[in-house]
PDB file of all heavy atoms in Angstrom:
ATOM      1  N   THR A   1      11.874 -11.579 -24.117  1.00  0.00           N
ATOM      2  CA  THR A   1      13.127 -12.242 -23.753  1.00  0.00           C
ATOM      3  C   THR A   1      14.022 -11.233 -23.085  1.00  0.00           C
ATOM      4  O   THR A   1      14.371 -10.213 -23.692  1.00  0.00           O
ATOM      5  CB  THR A   1      13.826 -12.936 -24.957  1.00  0.00           C
ATOM      6  OG1 THR A   1      12.952 -13.842 -25.545  1.00  0.00           O
ATOM      7  CG2 THR A   1      15.164 -13.558 -24.533  1.00  0.00           C
ATOM      8  N   ALA A   2      14.370 -11.485 -21.831  1.00  0.00           N
ATOM      9  CA  ALA A   2      15.322 -10.646 -21.094  1.00  0.00           C
ATOM     10  C   ALA A   2      16.778 -11.094 -21.333  1.00  0.00           C
ATOM     11  O   ALA A   2      17.020 -12.265 -21.634  1.00  0.00           O
ATOM     12  CB  ALA A   2      14.990 -10.660 -19.594  1.00  0.00           C
ATOM     13  N   VAL A   3      17.700 -10.185 -21.196  1.00  0.00           N
ATOM     14  CA  VAL A   3      19.118 -10.481 -21.272  1.00  0.00           C
ATOM     15  C   VAL A   3      19.686 -10.424 -19.857  1.00  0.00           C
ATOM     16  O   VAL A   3      19.658  -9.420 -19.176  1.00  0.00           O
ATOM     17  CB  VAL A   3      19.828  -9.484 -22.140  1.00  0.00           C
ATOM     18  CG1 VAL A   3      21.312  -9.820 -22.127  1.00  0.00           C
ATOM     19  CG2 VAL A   3      19.304  -9.583 -23.584  1.00  0.00           C
ATOM     20  N   VAL A   4      20.138 -11.565 -19.340  1.00  0.00           N
ATOM     21  CA  VAL A   4      20.740 -11.681 -18.003  1.00  0.00           C
ATOM     22  C   VAL A   4      22.217 -11.589 -18.138  1.00  0.00           C
ATOM     23  O   VAL A   4      22.869 -12.336 -18.918  1.00  0.00           O
ATOM     24  CB  VAL A   4      20.344 -13.021 -17.338  1.00  0.00           C
ATOM     25  CG1 VAL A   4      20.966 -13.176 -15.969  1.00  0.00           C
ATOM     26  CG2 VAL A   4      18.832 -13.103 -17.186  1.00  0.00           C
ATOM     27  N   SER A   5      22.806 -10.663 -17.356  1.00  0.00           N
ATOM     28  CA  SER A   5      24.262 -10.454 -17.358  1.00  0.00           C
ATOM     29  C   SER A   5      24.857 -11.113 -16.098  1.00  0.00           C
ATOM     30  O   SER A   5      24.461 -10.714 -14.974  1.00  0.00           O
ATOM     31  CB  SER A   5      24.589  -8.979 -17.385  1.00  0.00           C
ATOM     32  OG  SER A   5      25.976  -8.799 -17.325  1.00  0.00           O
ATOM     33  N   LEU A   6      25.748 -12.054 -16.282  1.00  0.00           N
ATOM     34  CA  LEU A   6      26.446 -12.754 -15.223  1.00  0.00           C
ATOM     35  C   LEU A   6      27.852 -12.196 -15.075  1.00  0.00           C
ATOM     36  O   LEU A   6      28.614 -12.202 -16.054  1.00  0.00           O
ATOM     37  CB  LEU A   6      26.497 -14.228 -15.443  1.00  0.00           C
ATOM     38  CG  LEU A   6      25.173 -14.953 -15.733  1.00  0.00           C
ATOM     39  CD1 LEU A   6      25.436 -16.417 -16.161  1.00  0.00           C
ATOM     40  CD2 LEU A   6      24.323 -14.931 -14.499  1.00  0.00           C
ATOM     41  N   ARG A   7      28.217 -11.683 -13.877  1.00  0.00           N
ATOM     42  CA  ARG A   7      29.523 -11.122 -13.696  1.00  0.00           C
ATOM     43  C   ARG A   7      30.319 -12.139 -12.870  1.00  0.00           C
ATOM     44  O   ARG A   7      30.030 -12.490 -11.725  1.00  0.00           O
ATOM     45  CB  ARG A   7      29.411  -9.830 -12.887  1.00  0.00           C
ATOM     46  CG  ARG A   7      30.709  -9.194 -12.557  1.00  0.00           C
ATOM     47  CD  ARG A   7      31.437  -8.694 -13.826  1.00  0.00           C
ATOM     48  NE  ARG A   7      32.837  -8.266 -13.574  1.00  0.00           N
ATOM     49  CZ  ARG A   7      33.625  -7.736 -14.484  1.00  0.00           C
ATOM     50  NH1 ARG A   7      33.193  -7.631 -15.740  1.00  0.00           N
ATOM     51  NH2 ARG A   7      34.907  -7.360 -14.180  1.00  0.00           N
ATOM     52  N   PHE A   8      31.412 -12.605 -13.521  1.00  0.00           N
ATOM     53  CA  PHE A   8      32.293 -13.619 -12.907  1.00  0.00           C
ATOM     54  C   PHE A   8      33.622 -12.976 -12.551  1.00  0.00           C
ATOM     55  O   PHE A   8      34.151 -12.143 -13.282  1.00  0.00           O
ATOM     56  CB  PHE A   8      32.537 -14.777 -13.881  1.00  0.00           C
ATOM     57  CG  PHE A   8      31.411 -15.731 -14.094  1.00  0.00           C
ATOM     58  CD1 PHE A   8      30.581 -15.505 -15.235  1.00  0.00           C
ATOM     59  CD2 PHE A   8      31.166 -16.722 -13.184  1.00  0.00           C
ATOM     60  CE1 PHE A   8      29.482 -16.413 -15.374  1.00  0.00           C
ATOM     61  CE2 PHE A   8      30.074 -17.575 -13.438  1.00  0.00           C
ATOM     62  CZ  PHE A   8      29.246 -17.379 -14.506  1.00  0.00           C
ATOM     63  N   GLY A   9      34.114 -13.326 -11.273  1.00  0.00           N
ATOM     64  CA  GLY A   9      35.416 -12.961 -10.889  1.00  0.00           C
ATOM     65  C   GLY A   9      36.348 -14.133 -10.971  1.00  0.00           C
ATOM     66  O   GLY A   9      35.897 -15.281 -10.697  1.00  0.00           O
ATOM     67  N   CYS A  10      37.656 -13.936 -11.325  1.00  0.00           N
ATOM     68  CA  CYS A  10      38.522 -15.062 -11.564  1.00  0.00           C
ATOM     69  C   CYS A  10      39.708 -15.064 -10.591  1.00  0.00           C
ATOM     70  O   CYS A  10      40.612 -15.875 -10.755  1.00  0.00           O
ATOM     71  CB  CYS A  10      39.028 -15.039 -13.022  1.00  0.00           C
ATOM     72  SG  CYS A  10      37.701 -15.255 -14.223  1.00  0.00           S
ATOM     73  N   GLY A  11      39.759 -14.204  -9.654  1.00  0.00           N
ATOM     74  CA  GLY A  11      40.844 -14.167  -8.674  1.00  0.00           C
ATOM     75  C   GLY A  11      42.169 -13.850  -9.275  1.00  0.00           C
ATOM     76  O   GLY A  11      43.199 -14.332  -8.743  1.00  0.00           O
ATOM     77  N   GLY A  12      42.204 -13.081 -10.347  1.00  0.00           N
ATOM     78  CA  GLY A  12      43.456 -12.724 -10.969  1.00  0.00           C
ATOM     79  C   GLY A  12      44.082 -13.745 -11.882  1.00  0.00           C
ATOM     80  O   GLY A  12      45.231 -13.539 -12.259  1.00  0.00           O
ATOM     81  N   THR A  13      43.408 -14.847 -12.173  1.00  0.00           N
ATOM     82  CA  THR A  13      43.943 -15.873 -13.030  1.00  0.00           C
ATOM     83  C   THR A  13      43.002 -16.087 -14.217  1.00  0.00           C
ATOM     84  O   THR A  13      41.819 -16.153 -14.062  1.00  0.00           O
ATOM     85  CB  THR A  13      44.101 -17.204 -12.247  1.00  0.00           C
ATOM     86  OG1 THR A  13      44.844 -17.018 -11.077  1.00  0.00           O
ATOM     87  CG2 THR A  13      44.696 -18.298 -13.141  1.00  0.00           C
ATOM     88  N   ALA A  14      43.603 -16.167 -15.426  1.00  0.00           N
ATOM     89  CA  ALA A  14      42.781 -16.321 -16.596  1.00  0.00           C
ATOM     90  C   ALA A  14      42.188 -17.750 -16.625  1.00  0.00           C
ATOM     91  O   ALA A  14      42.874 -18.687 -16.184  1.00  0.00           O
ATOM     92  CB  ALA A  14      43.636 -16.153 -17.865  1.00  0.00           C
ATOM     93  N   ARG A  15      40.982 -17.818 -17.095  1.00  0.00           N
ATOM     94  CA  ARG A  15      40.284 -19.183 -17.152  1.00  0.00           C
ATOM     95  C   ARG A  15      39.906 -19.457 -18.653  1.00  0.00           C
ATOM     96  O   ARG A  15      38.860 -19.004 -19.101  1.00  0.00           O
ATOM     97  CB  ARG A  15      39.019 -19.144 -16.286  1.00  0.00           C
ATOM     98  CG  ARG A  15      39.251 -18.603 -14.893  1.00  0.00           C
ATOM     99  CD  ARG A  15      40.073 -19.524 -14.067  1.00  0.00           C
ATOM    100  NE  ARG A  15      40.359 -18.924 -12.748  1.00  0.00           N
ATOM    101  CZ  ARG A  15      40.518 -19.600 -11.617  1.00  0.00           C
ATOM    102  NH1 ARG A  15      40.349 -20.934 -11.692  1.00  0.00           N
ATOM    103  NH2 ARG A  15      40.728 -18.973 -10.484  1.00  0.00           N
ATOM    104  N   PRO A  16      40.745 -20.183 -19.378  1.00  0.00           N
ATOM    105  CA  PRO A  16      40.399 -20.419 -20.759  1.00  0.00           C
ATOM    106  C   PRO A  16      39.331 -21.536 -20.967  1.00  0.00           C
ATOM    107  O   PRO A  16      39.228 -22.438 -20.164  1.00  0.00           O
ATOM    108  CB  PRO A  16      41.786 -20.909 -21.366  1.00  0.00           C
ATOM    109  CG  PRO A  16      42.493 -21.494 -20.203  1.00  0.00           C
ATOM    110  CD  PRO A  16      42.005 -20.755 -18.955  1.00  0.00           C
ATOM    111  N   ARG A  17      38.574 -21.330 -21.989  1.00  0.00           N
ATOM    112  CA  ARG A  17      37.644 -22.379 -22.487  1.00  0.00           C
ATOM    113  C   ARG A  17      36.652 -22.829 -21.364  1.00  0.00           C
ATOM    114  O   ARG A  17      36.501 -24.018 -21.084  1.00  0.00           O
ATOM    115  CB  ARG A  17      38.352 -23.545 -23.043  1.00  0.00           C
ATOM    116  CG  ARG A  17      39.365 -23.240 -24.115  1.00  0.00           C
ATOM    117  CD  ARG A  17      38.736 -22.564 -25.335  1.00  0.00           C
ATOM    118  NE  ARG A  17      37.835 -23.440 -26.035  1.00  0.00           N
ATOM    119  CZ  ARG A  17      37.071 -23.120 -26.987  1.00  0.00           C
ATOM    120  NH1 ARG A  17      36.976 -21.793 -27.413  1.00  0.00           N
ATOM    121  NH2 ARG A  17      36.274 -23.917 -27.613  1.00  0.00           N
ATOM    122  N   VAL A  18      35.983 -21.834 -20.791  1.00  0.00           N
ATOM    123  CA  VAL A  18      34.951 -22.118 -19.794  1.00  0.00           C
ATOM    124  C   VAL A  18      33.584 -22.164 -20.473  1.00  0.00           C
ATOM    125  O   VAL A  18      33.237 -21.250 -21.184  1.00  0.00           O
ATOM    126  CB  VAL A  18      34.964 -21.099 -18.618  1.00  0.00           C
ATOM    127  CG1 VAL A  18      33.797 -21.335 -17.649  1.00  0.00           C
ATOM    128  CG2 VAL A  18      36.238 -21.124 -17.928  1.00  0.00           C
ATOM    129  N   ARG A  19      32.858 -23.185 -20.189  1.00  0.00           N
ATOM    130  CA  ARG A  19      31.512 -23.428 -20.846  1.00  0.00           C
ATOM    131  C   ARG A  19      30.389 -23.099 -19.922  1.00  0.00           C
ATOM    132  O   ARG A  19      30.399 -23.684 -18.853  1.00  0.00           O
ATOM    133  CB  ARG A  19      31.450 -24.861 -21.360  1.00  0.00           C
ATOM    134  CG  ARG A  19      30.142 -25.175 -22.080  1.00  0.00           C
ATOM    135  CD  ARG A  19      30.298 -26.557 -22.764  1.00  0.00           C
ATOM    136  NE  ARG A  19      29.090 -27.060 -23.368  1.00  0.00           N
ATOM    137  CZ  ARG A  19      28.334 -27.978 -22.889  1.00  0.00           C
ATOM    138  NH1 ARG A  19      28.665 -28.564 -21.729  1.00  0.00           N
ATOM    139  NH2 ARG A  19      27.220 -28.426 -23.421  1.00  0.00           N
ATOM    140  N   ILE A  20      29.566 -22.192 -20.203  1.00  0.00           N
ATOM    141  CA  ILE A  20      28.429 -21.694 -19.380  1.00  0.00           C
ATOM    142  C   ILE A  20      27.144 -22.112 -20.095  1.00  0.00           C
ATOM    143  O   ILE A  20      26.910 -21.693 -21.195  1.00  0.00           O
ATOM    144  CB  ILE A  20      28.485 -20.285 -19.066  1.00  0.00           C
ATOM    145  CG1 ILE A  20      29.875 -19.860 -18.384  1.00  0.00           C
ATOM    146  CG2 ILE A  20      27.342 -19.805 -18.199  1.00  0.00           C
ATOM    147  CD1 ILE A  20      30.081 -18.406 -18.319  1.00  0.00           C
ATOM    148  N   VAL A  21      26.320 -22.955 -19.420  1.00  0.00           N
ATOM    149  CA  VAL A  21      25.109 -23.434 -20.091  1.00  0.00           C
ATOM    150  C   VAL A  21      23.913 -23.202 -19.140  1.00  0.00           C
ATOM    151  O   VAL A  21      23.935 -23.389 -17.943  1.00  0.00           O
ATOM    152  CB  VAL A  21      25.221 -24.959 -20.311  1.00  0.00           C
ATOM    153  CG1 VAL A  21      23.943 -25.520 -20.945  1.00  0.00           C
ATOM    154  CG2 VAL A  21      26.432 -25.258 -21.197  1.00  0.00           C
ATOM    155  N   ARG A  22      22.840 -22.701 -19.734  1.00  0.00           N
ATOM    156  CA  ARG A  22      21.502 -22.603 -19.081  1.00  0.00           C
ATOM    157  C   ARG A  22      20.505 -23.075 -20.071  1.00  0.00           C
ATOM    158  O   ARG A  22      20.199 -22.406 -21.048  1.00  0.00           O
ATOM    159  CB  ARG A  22      21.263 -21.182 -18.672  1.00  0.00           C
ATOM    160  CG  ARG A  22      19.859 -21.070 -17.883  1.00  0.00           C
ATOM    161  CD  ARG A  22      19.407 -19.699 -17.705  1.00  0.00           C
ATOM    162  NE  ARG A  22      18.098 -19.640 -17.079  1.00  0.00           N
ATOM    163  CZ  ARG A  22      16.939 -19.776 -17.692  1.00  0.00           C
ATOM    164  NH1 ARG A  22      16.923 -19.976 -18.997  1.00  0.00           N
ATOM    165  NH2 ARG A  22      15.808 -19.771 -16.991  1.00  0.00           N
ATOM    166  N   GLY A  23      19.962 -24.301 -19.791  1.00  0.00           N
ATOM    167  CA  GLY A  23      18.954 -24.879 -20.737  1.00  0.00           C
ATOM    168  C   GLY A  23      19.618 -25.093 -22.073  1.00  0.00           C
ATOM    169  O   GLY A  23      20.626 -25.761 -22.166  1.00  0.00           O
ATOM    170  N   ALA A  24      19.035 -24.538 -23.143  1.00  0.00           N
ATOM    171  CA  ALA A  24      19.508 -24.715 -24.470  1.00  0.00           C
ATOM    172  C   ALA A  24      20.535 -23.603 -24.897  1.00  0.00           C
ATOM    173  O   ALA A  24      21.090 -23.652 -25.950  1.00  0.00           O
ATOM    174  CB  ALA A  24      18.383 -24.731 -25.534  1.00  0.00           C
ATOM    175  N   ASP A  25      20.786 -22.690 -23.985  1.00  0.00           N
ATOM    176  CA  ASP A  25      21.692 -21.589 -24.255  1.00  0.00           C
ATOM    177  C   ASP A  25      23.080 -21.934 -23.765  1.00  0.00           C
ATOM    178  O   ASP A  25      23.247 -22.365 -22.605  1.00  0.00           O
ATOM    179  CB  ASP A  25      21.222 -20.289 -23.629  1.00  0.00           C
ATOM    180  CG  ASP A  25      19.816 -19.888 -24.116  1.00  0.00           C
ATOM    181  OD1 ASP A  25      19.621 -19.864 -25.314  1.00  0.00           O
ATOM    182  OD2 ASP A  25      18.947 -19.661 -23.260  1.00  0.00           O
ATOM    183  N   GLU A  26      24.118 -21.658 -24.551  1.00  0.00           N
ATOM    184  CA  GLU A  26      25.440 -22.056 -24.212  1.00  0.00           C
ATOM    185  C   GLU A  26      26.437 -21.029 -24.665  1.00  0.00           C
ATOM    186  O   GLU A  26      26.269 -20.408 -25.723  1.00  0.00           O
ATOM    187  CB  GLU A  26      25.807 -23.410 -24.907  1.00  0.00           C
ATOM    188  CG  GLU A  26      27.252 -23.888 -24.726  1.00  0.00           C
ATOM    189  CD  GLU A  26      27.511 -25.203 -25.459  1.00  0.00           C
ATOM    190  OE1 GLU A  26      26.533 -25.926 -25.781  1.00  0.00           O
ATOM    191  OE2 GLU A  26      28.648 -25.454 -25.736  1.00  0.00           O
ATOM    192  N   ARG A  27      27.425 -20.743 -23.812  1.00  0.00           N
ATOM    193  CA  ARG A  27      28.538 -19.864 -24.150  1.00  0.00           C
ATOM    194  C   ARG A  27      29.837 -20.533 -23.780  1.00  0.00           C
ATOM    195  O   ARG A  27      29.972 -21.058 -22.735  1.00  0.00           O
ATOM    196  CB  ARG A  27      28.390 -18.520 -23.368  1.00  0.00           C
ATOM    197  CG  ARG A  27      27.159 -17.717 -23.692  1.00  0.00           C
ATOM    198  CD  ARG A  27      27.247 -17.098 -25.069  1.00  0.00           C
ATOM    199  NE  ARG A  27      26.083 -16.186 -25.248  1.00  0.00           N
ATOM    200  CZ  ARG A  27      24.894 -16.546 -25.634  1.00  0.00           C
ATOM    201  NH1 ARG A  27      24.658 -17.814 -25.894  1.00  0.00           N
ATOM    202  NH2 ARG A  27      23.912 -15.669 -25.804  1.00  0.00           N
ATOM    203  N   ILE A  28      30.853 -20.424 -24.729  1.00  0.00           N
ATOM    204  CA  ILE A  28      32.208 -20.938 -24.389  1.00  0.00           C
ATOM    205  C   ILE A  28      33.081 -19.670 -24.436  1.00  0.00           C
ATOM    206  O   ILE A  28      33.204 -19.058 -25.498  1.00  0.00           O
ATOM    207  CB  ILE A  28      32.635 -21.983 -25.344  1.00  0.00           C
ATOM    208  CG1 ILE A  28      31.738 -23.248 -25.270  1.00  0.00           C
ATOM    209  CG2 ILE A  28      34.085 -22.422 -25.025  1.00  0.00           C
ATOM    210  CD1 ILE A  28      32.120 -24.323 -26.235  1.00  0.00           C
ATOM    211  N   VAL A  29      33.646 -19.314 -23.257  1.00  0.00           N
ATOM    212  CA  VAL A  29      34.371 -18.042 -23.191  1.00  0.00           C
ATOM    213  C   VAL A  29      35.731 -18.256 -22.517  1.00  0.00           C
ATOM    214  O   VAL A  29      35.940 -19.239 -21.829  1.00  0.00           O
ATOM    215  CB  VAL A  29      33.524 -16.987 -22.366  1.00  0.00           C
ATOM    216  CG1 VAL A  29      32.210 -16.681 -23.093  1.00  0.00           C
ATOM    217  CG2 VAL A  29      33.252 -17.513 -21.000  1.00  0.00           C
ATOM    218  N   ASP A  30      36.618 -17.313 -22.763  1.00  0.00           N
ATOM    219  CA  ASP A  30      37.873 -17.248 -22.045  1.00  0.00           C
ATOM    220  C   ASP A  30      37.784 -16.064 -21.058  1.00  0.00           C
ATOM    221  O   ASP A  30      37.771 -14.890 -21.425  1.00  0.00           O
ATOM    222  CB  ASP A  30      39.022 -16.946 -23.049  1.00  0.00           C
ATOM    223  CG  ASP A  30      39.235 -18.084 -23.996  1.00  0.00           C
ATOM    224  OD1 ASP A  30      38.963 -19.246 -23.712  1.00  0.00           O
ATOM    225  OD2 ASP A  30      39.694 -17.850 -25.190  1.00  0.00           O
ATOM    226  N   LEU A  31      37.683 -16.419 -19.756  1.00  0.00           N
ATOM    227  CA  LEU A  31      37.508 -15.379 -18.774  1.00  0.00           C
ATOM    228  C   LEU A  31      38.809 -14.748 -18.471  1.00  0.00           C
ATOM    229  O   LEU A  31      39.846 -15.368 -18.293  1.00  0.00           O
ATOM    230  CB  LEU A  31      36.983 -16.082 -17.462  1.00  0.00           C
ATOM    231  CG  LEU A  31      35.557 -16.722 -17.585  1.00  0.00           C
ATOM    232  CD1 LEU A  31      35.160 -17.306 -16.269  1.00  0.00           C
ATOM    233  CD2 LEU A  31      34.511 -15.704 -18.024  1.00  0.00           C
ATOM    234  N   ALA A  32      38.822 -13.470 -18.434  1.00  0.00           N
ATOM    235  CA  ALA A  32      40.027 -12.644 -18.251  1.00  0.00           C
ATOM    236  C   ALA A  32      40.387 -12.714 -16.729  1.00  0.00           C
ATOM    237  O   ALA A  32      39.535 -13.044 -15.930  1.00  0.00           O
ATOM    238  CB  ALA A  32      39.769 -11.192 -18.627  1.00  0.00           C
ATOM    239  N   PRO A  33      41.671 -12.436 -16.451  1.00  0.00           N
ATOM    240  CA  PRO A  33      42.084 -12.477 -15.013  1.00  0.00           C
ATOM    241  C   PRO A  33      41.247 -11.519 -14.077  1.00  0.00           C
ATOM    242  O   PRO A  33      41.011 -11.862 -12.935  1.00  0.00           O
ATOM    243  CB  PRO A  33      43.528 -12.046 -15.050  1.00  0.00           C
ATOM    244  CG  PRO A  33      43.957 -12.383 -16.426  1.00  0.00           C
ATOM    245  CD  PRO A  33      42.835 -12.201 -17.287  1.00  0.00           C
ATOM    246  N   ALA A  34      40.834 -10.395 -14.652  1.00  0.00           N
ATOM    247  CA  ALA A  34      40.067  -9.386 -13.841  1.00  0.00           C
ATOM    248  C   ALA A  34      38.560  -9.786 -13.794  1.00  0.00           C
ATOM    249  O   ALA A  34      37.795  -9.128 -13.134  1.00  0.00           O
ATOM    250  CB  ALA A  34      40.219  -7.975 -14.407  1.00  0.00           C
ATOM    251  N   GLY A  35      38.167 -10.867 -14.527  1.00  0.00           N
ATOM    252  CA  GLY A  35      36.777 -11.200 -14.580  1.00  0.00           C
ATOM    253  C   GLY A  35      36.089 -10.734 -15.864  1.00  0.00           C
ATOM    254  O   GLY A  35      36.642  -9.943 -16.599  1.00  0.00           O
ATOM    255  N   ASP A  36      34.854 -11.262 -16.116  1.00  0.00           N
ATOM    256  CA  ASP A  36      34.157 -10.923 -17.351  1.00  0.00           C
ATOM    257  C   ASP A  36      32.660 -10.950 -17.004  1.00  0.00           C
ATOM    258  O   ASP A  36      32.228 -11.624 -16.074  1.00  0.00           O
ATOM    259  CB  ASP A  36      34.450 -11.927 -18.450  1.00  0.00           C
ATOM    260  CG  ASP A  36      35.588 -11.441 -19.337  1.00  0.00           C
ATOM    261  OD1 ASP A  36      35.605 -10.240 -19.631  1.00  0.00           O
ATOM    262  OD2 ASP A  36      36.477 -12.245 -19.681  1.00  0.00           O
ATOM    263  N   ALA A  37      31.895 -10.321 -17.869  1.00  0.00           N
ATOM    264  CA  ALA A  37      30.397 -10.330 -17.800  1.00  0.00           C
ATOM    265  C   ALA A  37      29.899 -11.182 -19.005  1.00  0.00           C
ATOM    266  O   ALA A  37      30.292 -10.892 -20.119  1.00  0.00           O
ATOM    267  CB  ALA A  37      29.872  -8.962 -17.801  1.00  0.00           C
ATOM    268  N   ILE A  38      29.101 -12.153 -18.739  1.00  0.00           N
ATOM    269  CA  ILE A  38      28.534 -13.037 -19.773  1.00  0.00           C
ATOM    270  C   ILE A  38      27.054 -12.839 -19.838  1.00  0.00           C
ATOM    271  O   ILE A  38      26.359 -12.745 -18.788  1.00  0.00           O
ATOM    272  CB  ILE A  38      28.842 -14.503 -19.429  1.00  0.00           C
ATOM    273  CG1 ILE A  38      30.357 -14.692 -19.129  1.00  0.00           C
ATOM    274  CG2 ILE A  38      28.388 -15.406 -20.600  1.00  0.00           C
ATOM    275  CD1 ILE A  38      31.224 -14.304 -20.242  1.00  0.00           C
ATOM    276  N   GLU A  39      26.488 -12.637 -21.041  1.00  0.00           N
ATOM    277  CA  GLU A  39      25.064 -12.432 -21.229  1.00  0.00           C
ATOM    278  C   GLU A  39      24.378 -13.668 -21.728  1.00  0.00           C
ATOM    279  O   GLU A  39      24.908 -14.324 -22.708  1.00  0.00           O
ATOM    280  CB  GLU A  39      24.855 -11.255 -22.180  1.00  0.00           C
ATOM    281  CG  GLU A  39      25.305  -9.936 -21.637  1.00  0.00           C
ATOM    282  CD  GLU A  39      24.959  -8.771 -22.567  1.00  0.00           C
ATOM    283  OE1 GLU A  39      24.616  -9.019 -23.698  1.00  0.00           O
ATOM    284  OE2 GLU A  39      25.076  -7.603 -22.125  1.00  0.00           O
ATOM    285  N   LEU A  40      23.297 -14.014 -21.116  1.00  0.00           N
ATOM    286  CA  LEU A  40      22.456 -15.190 -21.546  1.00  0.00           C
ATOM    287  C   LEU A  40      20.995 -14.737 -21.610  1.00  0.00           C
ATOM    288  O   LEU A  40      20.530 -13.867 -20.847  1.00  0.00           O
ATOM    289  CB  LEU A  40      22.571 -16.331 -20.543  1.00  0.00           C
ATOM    290  CG  LEU A  40      23.909 -17.037 -20.505  1.00  0.00           C
ATOM    291  CD1 LEU A  40      23.881 -18.101 -19.399  1.00  0.00           C
ATOM    292  CD2 LEU A  40      24.219 -17.742 -21.856  1.00  0.00           C
ATOM    293  N   PRO A  41      20.206 -15.172 -22.616  1.00  0.00           N
ATOM    294  CA  PRO A  41      18.834 -14.852 -22.710  1.00  0.00           C
ATOM    295  C   PRO A  41      17.988 -15.629 -21.698  1.00  0.00           C
ATOM    296  O   PRO A  41      18.275 -16.712 -21.293  1.00  0.00           O
ATOM    297  CB  PRO A  41      18.432 -15.293 -24.101  1.00  0.00           C
ATOM    298  CG  PRO A  41      19.365 -16.377 -24.487  1.00  0.00           C
ATOM    299  CD  PRO A  41      20.690 -16.088 -23.737  1.00  0.00           C
ATOM    300  N   LEU A  42      16.925 -14.942 -21.266  1.00  0.00           N
ATOM    301  CA  LEU A  42      15.982 -15.503 -20.289  1.00  0.00           C
ATOM    302  C   LEU A  42      14.540 -15.183 -20.774  1.00  0.00           C
ATOM    303  O   LEU A  42      14.176 -14.035 -20.911  1.00  0.00           O
ATOM    304  CB  LEU A  42      16.219 -14.961 -18.909  1.00  0.00           C
ATOM    305  CG  LEU A  42      15.199 -15.307 -17.823  1.00  0.00           C
ATOM    306  CD1 LEU A  42      15.250 -16.839 -17.514  1.00  0.00           C
ATOM    307  CD2 LEU A  42      15.455 -14.547 -16.535  1.00  0.00           C
TER     308      LEU A  42
END
């Protein structure tokens, strides 16, 4: 199982309660204004 890191940019605005889903894997995160890296298994 690999760990895939997704790097999101938010354009300087915070994004609360964003849900990221790939298949059965799910993350609910608060993206910071500067962006965040989210890890999902593959």
